[in-house]
């Protein structure tokens, strides 16, 4: 699946990195980094990250 983080919305809170550390991570400057193409096996983790994002900046573009 492909995911997208809207950088105009993202405030680098890092909640997604806690929910889905195999997909999202904070770099040494505290800026979010993430994998744009994610294995479908991580779907539930990505959904959790979407749910906990305080600014709703994470989107699934396509699945499968």
Protein backbone atom coordinates (compact mmCIF):
# COMPACT_ATOMS: atom_id res chain seq x y z
CA UNK A 1 0.00 0.00 0.00
CA UNK A 2 1.11 3.58 -0.55
CA UNK A 3 0.83 6.17 2.17
CA UNK A 4 1.20 9.93 2.19
CA UNK A 5 1.84 12.43 4.97
CA UNK A 6 0.62 15.95 4.21
CA UNK A 7 3.58 18.05 5.32
CA UNK A 8 1.41 21.17 5.38
CA UNK A 9 -0.59 19.55 8.20
CA UNK A 10 2.11 17.49 9.97
CA UNK A 11 3.50 19.11 13.12
CA UNK A 12 5.99 16.29 13.85
CA UNK A 13 4.23 15.18 17.03
CA UNK A 14 5.60 11.66 16.50
CA UNK A 15 2.52 9.75 17.61
CA UNK A 16 2.62 7.81 14.34
CA UNK A 17 6.19 6.70 15.08
CA UNK A 18 4.98 5.23 18.37
CA UNK A 19 2.01 3.48 16.72
CA UNK A 20 3.81 2.18 13.65
CA UNK A 21 7.59 2.27 14.19
CA UNK A 22 8.21 0.01 11.19
CA UNK A 23 6.76 2.74 8.94
CA UNK A 24 7.27 6.09 10.70
CA UNK A 25 10.31 7.44 12.55
CA UNK A 26 11.65 10.75 13.81
CA UNK A 27 15.07 11.80 12.54
CA UNK A 28 17.75 13.42 14.71
CA UNK A 29 16.25 16.86 14.04
CA UNK A 30 12.82 15.72 15.21
CA UNK A 31 11.37 15.66 11.69
CA UNK A 32 9.13 12.81 10.62
CA UNK A 33 10.44 10.33 8.07
CA UNK A 34 8.35 7.48 6.69
CA UNK A 35 8.18 4.76 4.10
CA UNK A 36 5.89 5.71 1.23
CA UNK A 37 5.40 2.11 0.12
CA UNK A 38 4.39 -0.21 2.94
CA UNK A 39 3.74 -3.93 3.03
CA UNK A 40 0.05 -4.74 3.43
CA UNK A 41 0.93 -6.74 6.55
CA UNK A 42 1.44 -3.38 8.30
CA UNK A 43 -2.04 -2.12 7.41
CA UNK A 44 -3.33 -2.25 11.00
CA UNK A 45 -0.30 -0.36 12.28
CA UNK A 46 -0.79 2.35 9.65
CA UNK A 47 -4.49 2.59 10.54
CA UNK A 48 -3.50 3.04 14.19
CA UNK A 49 -1.08 5.80 13.19
CA UNK A 50 -3.82 7.53 11.20
CA UNK A 51 -6.14 7.33 14.19
CA UNK A 52 -3.63 8.82 16.67
CA UNK A 53 -2.37 11.62 14.44
CA UNK A 54 -3.56 14.80 16.19
CA UNK A 55 -3.75 16.74 12.92
CA UNK A 56 -4.98 13.88 10.68
CA UNK A 57 -2.07 14.29 8.24
CA UNK A 58 -1.65 10.62 7.24
CA UNK A 59 -3.47 9.08 4.29
CA UNK A 60 -3.54 5.69 2.58
CA UNK A 61 -3.38 6.33 -1.17
CA UNK A 62 -4.00 2.78 -2.30
CA UNK A 63 -4.01 -0.69 -0.88
CA UNK A 64 -2.68 -3.86 -2.41
